Amino acid sequence: MARDIPFGISPYIFQEILQGARNEKEYRQLRDYLSTQTIYFLPEEKATYEKAARLYFDLRRKGITPRSTIDILIALTAMEYRLLLLHNDRDFDLMAEQVDALQILKMI
């Protein structure tokens, strides 16, 4: 990644990566690395979850049902902080087709 492009993760990505570790050593290595990254938190307030619910509701009305509530929170984090979402998940492609504020870059 270019050094002038901000990079960080959401707490949801932090959790998803750690829970995918194959063994204790990998878990510790991932935890140690991820702990050095900027973490973008959504505010823990009702309005945040209403925005997430609204995003899911609007997408579903457009015929897109994301497979994971966590993906909605990840997308909302990217939108709230105006971040480019680097991903490898078709749900984000489908969301971005319907939501202009969600900027994505698919990993190859």
N, C-alpha and C. Protein backbone atom coordinates (compact mmCIF):
# COMPACT_ATOMS: atom_id res chain seq x y z
N MET A 1 0.85 -1.18 0.00
CA MET A 1 0.00 0.00 0.00
C MET A 1 0.89 1.24 0.00
N ALA A 2 0.45 2.25 -0.69
CA ALA A 2 1.19 3.51 -0.72
C ALA A 2 1.21 4.12 0.68
N ARG A 3 2.31 4.72 1.03
CA ARG A 3 2.46 5.26 2.38
C ARG A 3 1.56 6.47 2.63
N ASP A 4 1.13 7.16 1.58
CA ASP A 4 0.30 8.34 1.78
C ASP A 4 -1.19 8.02 1.84
N ILE A 5 -1.55 6.75 1.71
CA ILE A 5 -2.94 6.35 1.81
C ILE A 5 -3.19 5.83 3.22
N PRO A 6 -4.16 6.45 3.94
CA PRO A 6 -4.42 5.97 5.30
C PRO A 6 -4.87 4.52 5.28
N PHE A 7 -4.42 3.77 6.25
CA PHE A 7 -4.79 2.36 6.35
C PHE A 7 -5.22 2.08 7.77
N GLY A 8 -6.25 1.31 7.91
CA GLY A 8 -6.71 0.92 9.23
C GLY A 8 -7.75 -0.16 9.10
N ILE A 9 -8.25 -0.59 10.22
CA ILE A 9 -9.25 -1.65 10.25
C ILE A 9 -10.36 -1.25 11.21
N SER A 10 -11.48 -1.93 11.08
CA SER A 10 -12.55 -1.75 12.06
C SER A 10 -12.41 -2.84 13.12
N PRO A 11 -13.04 -2.66 14.27
CA PRO A 11 -12.96 -3.72 15.27
C PRO A 11 -13.59 -5.02 14.78
N TYR A 12 -14.52 -4.92 13.83
CA TYR A 12 -15.18 -6.11 13.29
C TYR A 12 -14.19 -6.92 12.44
N ILE A 13 -13.36 -6.22 11.68
CA ILE A 13 -12.33 -6.89 10.89
C ILE A 13 -11.28 -7.49 11.82
N PHE A 14 -10.92 -6.75 12.85
CA PHE A 14 -9.99 -7.26 13.87
C PHE A 14 -10.48 -8.61 14.39
N GLN A 15 -11.75 -8.67 14.76
CA GLN A 15 -12.34 -9.90 15.28
C GLN A 15 -12.37 -10.99 14.22
N GLU A 16 -12.83 -10.68 13.01
CA GLU A 16 -12.93 -11.69 11.96
C GLU A 16 -11.58 -12.32 11.64
N ILE A 17 -10.55 -11.50 11.57
CA ILE A 17 -9.22 -12.04 11.25
C ILE A 17 -8.72 -12.93 12.38
N LEU A 18 -8.86 -12.48 13.62
CA LEU A 18 -8.39 -13.29 14.74
C LEU A 18 -9.14 -14.61 14.87
N GLN A 19 -10.44 -14.59 14.67
CA GLN A 19 -11.19 -15.84 14.82
C GLN A 19 -10.91 -16.82 13.70
N GLY A 20 -10.26 -16.36 12.62
CA GLY A 20 -9.87 -17.25 11.53
C GLY A 20 -8.49 -17.86 11.70
N ALA A 21 -7.80 -17.54 12.78
CA ALA A 21 -6.44 -18.09 13.00
C ALA A 21 -6.51 -19.61 13.08
N ARG A 22 -5.48 -20.25 12.52
CA ARG A 22 -5.46 -21.71 12.47
C ARG A 22 -4.88 -22.35 13.72
N ASN A 23 -4.09 -21.60 14.46
CA ASN A 23 -3.48 -22.16 15.66
C ASN A 23 -3.08 -21.02 16.59
N GLU A 24 -2.61 -21.37 17.77
CA GLU A 24 -2.27 -20.37 18.78
C GLU A 24 -1.16 -19.43 18.32
N LYS A 25 -0.14 -19.97 17.68
CA LYS A 25 0.97 -19.14 17.20
C LYS A 25 0.48 -18.11 16.19
N GLU A 26 -0.33 -18.57 15.23
CA GLU A 26 -0.86 -17.64 14.23
C GLU A 26 -1.76 -16.60 14.89
N TYR A 27 -2.56 -17.03 15.86
CA TYR A 27 -3.43 -16.09 16.57
C TYR A 27 -2.60 -14.97 17.20
N ARG A 28 -1.54 -15.34 17.90
CA ARG A 28 -0.69 -14.34 18.57
C ARG A 28 -0.03 -13.41 17.56
N GLN A 29 0.46 -13.98 16.45
CA GLN A 29 1.11 -13.16 15.43
C GLN A 29 0.12 -12.16 14.83
N LEU A 30 -1.06 -12.65 14.49
CA LEU A 30 -2.09 -11.76 13.94
C LEU A 30 -2.48 -10.68 14.94
N ARG A 31 -2.72 -11.09 16.18
CA ARG A 31 -3.10 -10.12 17.22
C ARG A 31 -2.04 -9.05 17.39
N ASP A 32 -0.79 -9.47 17.44
CA ASP A 32 0.30 -8.51 17.62
C ASP A 32 0.39 -7.54 16.45
N TYR A 33 0.26 -8.06 15.22
CA TYR A 33 0.32 -7.18 14.05
C TYR A 33 -0.89 -6.25 14.00
N LEU A 34 -2.08 -6.81 14.15
CA LEU A 34 -3.29 -5.98 14.06
C LEU A 34 -3.33 -4.92 15.15
N SER A 35 -2.74 -5.19 16.27
CA SER A 35 -2.72 -4.21 17.37
C SER A 35 -1.87 -2.99 17.05
N THR A 36 -1.06 -3.06 16.00
CA THR A 36 -0.26 -1.90 15.59
C THR A 36 -1.01 -1.01 14.59
N GLN A 37 -2.17 -1.46 14.13
CA GLN A 37 -2.91 -0.74 13.10
C GLN A 37 -3.89 0.26 13.72
N THR A 38 -4.22 1.29 12.96
CA THR A 38 -5.28 2.22 13.37
C THR A 38 -6.60 1.46 13.34
N ILE A 39 -7.38 1.62 14.39
CA ILE A 39 -8.70 0.99 14.43
C ILE A 39 -9.75 2.09 14.41
N TYR A 40 -10.65 2.00 13.45
CA TYR A 40 -11.73 2.98 13.28
C TYR A 40 -12.99 2.43 13.96
N PHE A 41 -13.40 3.11 15.02
CA PHE A 41 -14.56 2.68 15.79
C PHE A 41 -15.79 3.50 15.40
N LEU A 42 -16.91 2.83 15.29
CA LEU A 42 -18.19 3.53 15.17
C LEU A 42 -18.61 3.94 16.58
N PRO A 43 -19.30 5.08 16.71
CA PRO A 43 -19.80 5.46 18.04
C PRO A 43 -20.77 4.40 18.57
N GLU A 44 -20.64 4.08 19.84
CA GLU A 44 -21.54 3.12 20.49
C GLU A 44 -22.79 3.87 20.95
N GLU A 45 -23.65 4.14 20.00
CA GLU A 45 -24.89 4.84 20.34
C GLU A 45 -26.00 4.33 19.43
N LYS A 46 -27.21 4.57 19.85
CA LYS A 46 -28.37 4.06 19.13
C LYS A 46 -28.39 4.53 17.68
N ALA A 47 -28.02 5.77 17.43
CA ALA A 47 -28.06 6.31 16.06
C ALA A 47 -27.18 5.51 15.11
N THR A 48 -26.05 5.01 15.59
CA THR A 48 -25.16 4.21 14.76
C THR A 48 -25.87 2.95 14.28
N TYR A 49 -26.54 2.28 15.19
CA TYR A 49 -27.19 1.03 14.85
C TYR A 49 -28.45 1.26 14.03
N GLU A 50 -29.06 2.42 14.21
CA GLU A 50 -30.18 2.76 13.34
C GLU A 50 -29.69 2.98 11.91
N LYS A 51 -28.54 3.65 11.75
CA LYS A 51 -27.96 3.83 10.41
C LYS A 51 -27.65 2.48 9.77
N ALA A 52 -27.09 1.57 10.57
CA ALA A 52 -26.77 0.24 10.05
C ALA A 52 -28.04 -0.50 9.64
N ALA A 53 -29.06 -0.42 10.47
CA ALA A 53 -30.33 -1.07 10.15
C ALA A 53 -30.95 -0.46 8.90
N ARG A 54 -30.84 0.87 8.78
CA ARG A 54 -31.39 1.54 7.60
C ARG A 54 -30.65 1.12 6.34
N LEU A 55 -29.33 1.01 6.41
CA LEU A 55 -28.54 0.57 5.27
C LEU A 55 -28.97 -0.83 4.85
N TYR A 56 -29.11 -1.73 5.80
CA TYR A 56 -29.54 -3.10 5.50
C TYR A 56 -30.95 -3.09 4.89
N PHE A 57 -31.85 -2.33 5.50
CA PHE A 57 -33.23 -2.23 5.03
C PHE A 57 -33.28 -1.71 3.60
N ASP A 58 -32.54 -0.62 3.32
CA ASP A 58 -32.54 -0.04 1.98
C ASP A 58 -31.96 -1.00 0.95
N LEU A 59 -30.90 -1.70 1.31
CA LEU A 59 -30.31 -2.68 0.39
C LEU A 59 -31.29 -3.82 0.12
N ARG A 60 -31.93 -4.30 1.16
CA ARG A 60 -32.88 -5.39 0.99
C ARG A 60 -34.04 -4.98 0.08
N ARG A 61 -34.48 -3.75 0.20
CA ARG A 61 -35.56 -3.25 -0.68
C ARG A 61 -35.12 -3.17 -2.13
N LYS A 62 -33.81 -3.07 -2.35
CA LYS A 62 -33.26 -3.03 -3.71
C LYS A 62 -32.89 -4.43 -4.20
N GLY A 63 -33.25 -5.45 -3.43
CA GLY A 63 -33.01 -6.82 -3.84
C GLY A 63 -31.68 -7.40 -3.41
N ILE A 64 -30.98 -6.72 -2.52
CA ILE A 64 -29.68 -7.19 -2.04
C ILE A 64 -29.81 -7.49 -0.55
N THR A 65 -29.58 -8.74 -0.19
CA THR A 65 -29.61 -9.12 1.22
C THR A 65 -28.21 -9.54 1.63
N PRO A 66 -27.47 -8.64 2.27
CA PRO A 66 -26.12 -9.00 2.72
C PRO A 66 -26.17 -10.22 3.65
N ARG A 67 -25.17 -11.07 3.52
CA ARG A 67 -25.14 -12.31 4.30
C ARG A 67 -24.75 -12.09 5.75
N SER A 68 -24.21 -10.92 6.06
CA SER A 68 -23.68 -10.72 7.41
C SER A 68 -23.98 -9.31 7.92
N THR A 69 -24.52 -9.26 9.12
CA THR A 69 -24.71 -7.96 9.77
C THR A 69 -23.37 -7.28 9.99
N ILE A 70 -22.33 -8.07 10.24
CA ILE A 70 -20.99 -7.52 10.42
C ILE A 70 -20.55 -6.78 9.16
N ASP A 71 -20.88 -7.32 7.98
CA ASP A 71 -20.52 -6.63 6.73
C ASP A 71 -21.18 -5.26 6.65
N ILE A 72 -22.38 -5.15 7.15
CA ILE A 72 -23.06 -3.85 7.17
C ILE A 72 -22.29 -2.88 8.07
N LEU A 73 -21.85 -3.34 9.23
CA LEU A 73 -21.10 -2.48 10.14
C LEU A 73 -19.73 -2.10 9.56
N ILE A 74 -19.11 -3.02 8.85
CA ILE A 74 -17.84 -2.71 8.18
C ILE A 74 -18.07 -1.65 7.10
N ALA A 75 -19.11 -1.83 6.30
CA ALA A 75 -19.42 -0.84 5.25
C ALA A 75 -19.74 0.51 5.87
N LEU A 76 -20.52 0.52 6.93
CA LEU A 76 -20.88 1.78 7.59
C LEU A 76 -19.64 2.48 8.14
N THR A 77 -18.71 1.72 8.69
CA THR A 77 -17.46 2.30 9.19
C THR A 77 -16.72 3.00 8.06
N ALA A 78 -16.59 2.32 6.92
CA ALA A 78 -15.90 2.91 5.77
C ALA A 78 -16.62 4.18 5.31
N MET A 79 -17.94 4.16 5.28
CA MET A 79 -18.70 5.32 4.83
C MET A 79 -18.57 6.48 5.82
N GLU A 80 -18.68 6.20 7.10
CA GLU A 80 -18.62 7.26 8.11
C GLU A 80 -17.26 7.96 8.13
N TYR A 81 -16.20 7.21 7.92
CA TYR A 81 -14.85 7.78 7.93
C TYR A 81 -14.35 8.14 6.53
N ARG A 82 -15.20 7.95 5.52
CA ARG A 82 -14.86 8.22 4.12
C ARG A 82 -13.57 7.49 3.72
N LEU A 83 -13.56 6.19 4.01
CA LEU A 83 -12.41 5.35 3.71
C LEU A 83 -12.69 4.49 2.49
N LEU A 84 -11.64 4.12 1.81
CA LEU A 84 -11.72 3.16 0.73
C LEU A 84 -11.70 1.78 1.37
N LEU A 85 -12.69 0.96 1.07
CA LEU A 85 -12.80 -0.37 1.67
C LEU A 85 -12.13 -1.39 0.76
N LEU A 86 -11.00 -1.90 1.21
CA LEU A 86 -10.27 -2.95 0.51
C LEU A 86 -10.90 -4.27 0.93
N HIS A 87 -11.33 -5.08 -0.04
CA HIS A 87 -12.10 -6.28 0.33
C HIS A 87 -11.91 -7.40 -0.68
N ASN A 88 -12.43 -8.55 -0.29
CA ASN A 88 -12.54 -9.71 -1.18
C ASN A 88 -13.84 -10.42 -0.84
N ASP A 89 -14.94 -9.70 -0.96
CA ASP A 89 -16.25 -10.20 -0.54
C ASP A 89 -17.31 -9.63 -1.49
N ARG A 90 -17.97 -10.50 -2.19
CA ARG A 90 -18.96 -10.08 -3.19
C ARG A 90 -20.05 -9.19 -2.60
N ASP A 91 -20.39 -9.38 -1.34
CA ASP A 91 -21.41 -8.53 -0.72
C ASP A 91 -21.06 -7.05 -0.83
N PHE A 92 -19.78 -6.72 -0.67
CA PHE A 92 -19.39 -5.32 -0.76
C PHE A 92 -19.50 -4.80 -2.18
N ASP A 93 -19.24 -5.64 -3.17
CA ASP A 93 -19.44 -5.24 -4.57
C ASP A 93 -20.91 -4.88 -4.80
N LEU A 94 -21.80 -5.75 -4.33
CA LEU A 94 -23.23 -5.52 -4.51
C LEU A 94 -23.70 -4.27 -3.77
N MET A 95 -23.19 -4.08 -2.55
CA MET A 95 -23.57 -2.89 -1.78
C MET A 95 -23.12 -1.62 -2.49
N ALA A 96 -21.88 -1.61 -2.97
CA ALA A 96 -21.32 -0.40 -3.58
C ALA A 96 -22.05 -0.03 -4.87
N GLU A 97 -22.63 -1.01 -5.55
CA GLU A 97 -23.42 -0.70 -6.75
C GLU A 97 -24.66 0.12 -6.41
N GLN A 98 -25.13 0.01 -5.19
CA GLN A 98 -26.36 0.69 -4.77
C GLN A 98 -26.12 1.88 -3.84
N VAL A 99 -24.94 1.97 -3.25
CA VAL A 99 -24.67 3.01 -2.24
C VAL A 99 -23.45 3.81 -2.68
N ASP A 100 -23.70 5.02 -3.18
CA ASP A 100 -22.60 5.85 -3.70
C ASP A 100 -21.55 6.17 -2.65
N ALA A 101 -21.94 6.30 -1.40
CA ALA A 101 -21.00 6.68 -0.34
C ALA A 101 -20.02 5.56 0.01
N LEU A 102 -20.28 4.35 -0.46
CA LEU A 102 -19.38 3.23 -0.17
C LEU A 102 -18.38 3.09 -1.30
N GLN A 103 -17.15 3.44 -1.01
CA GLN A 103 -16.06 3.35 -1.99
C GLN A 103 -15.27 2.08 -1.71
N ILE A 104 -15.12 1.25 -2.74
CA ILE A 104 -14.47 -0.05 -2.53
C ILE A 104 -13.31 -0.25 -3.50
N LEU A 105 -12.43 -1.16 -3.11
CA LEU A 105 -11.35 -1.63 -3.97
C LEU A 105 -11.25 -3.12 -3.73
N LYS A 106 -11.51 -3.91 -4.77
CA LYS A 106 -11.48 -5.36 -4.63
C LYS A 106 -10.05 -5.86 -4.70
N MET A 107 -9.69 -6.72 -3.74
CA MET A 107 -8.37 -7.36 -3.77
C MET A 107 -8.37 -8.42 -4.86
N ILE A 108 -7.24 -8.59 -5.47
CA ILE A 108 -7.13 -9.61 -6.52
C ILE A 108 -6.42 -10.81 -5.97
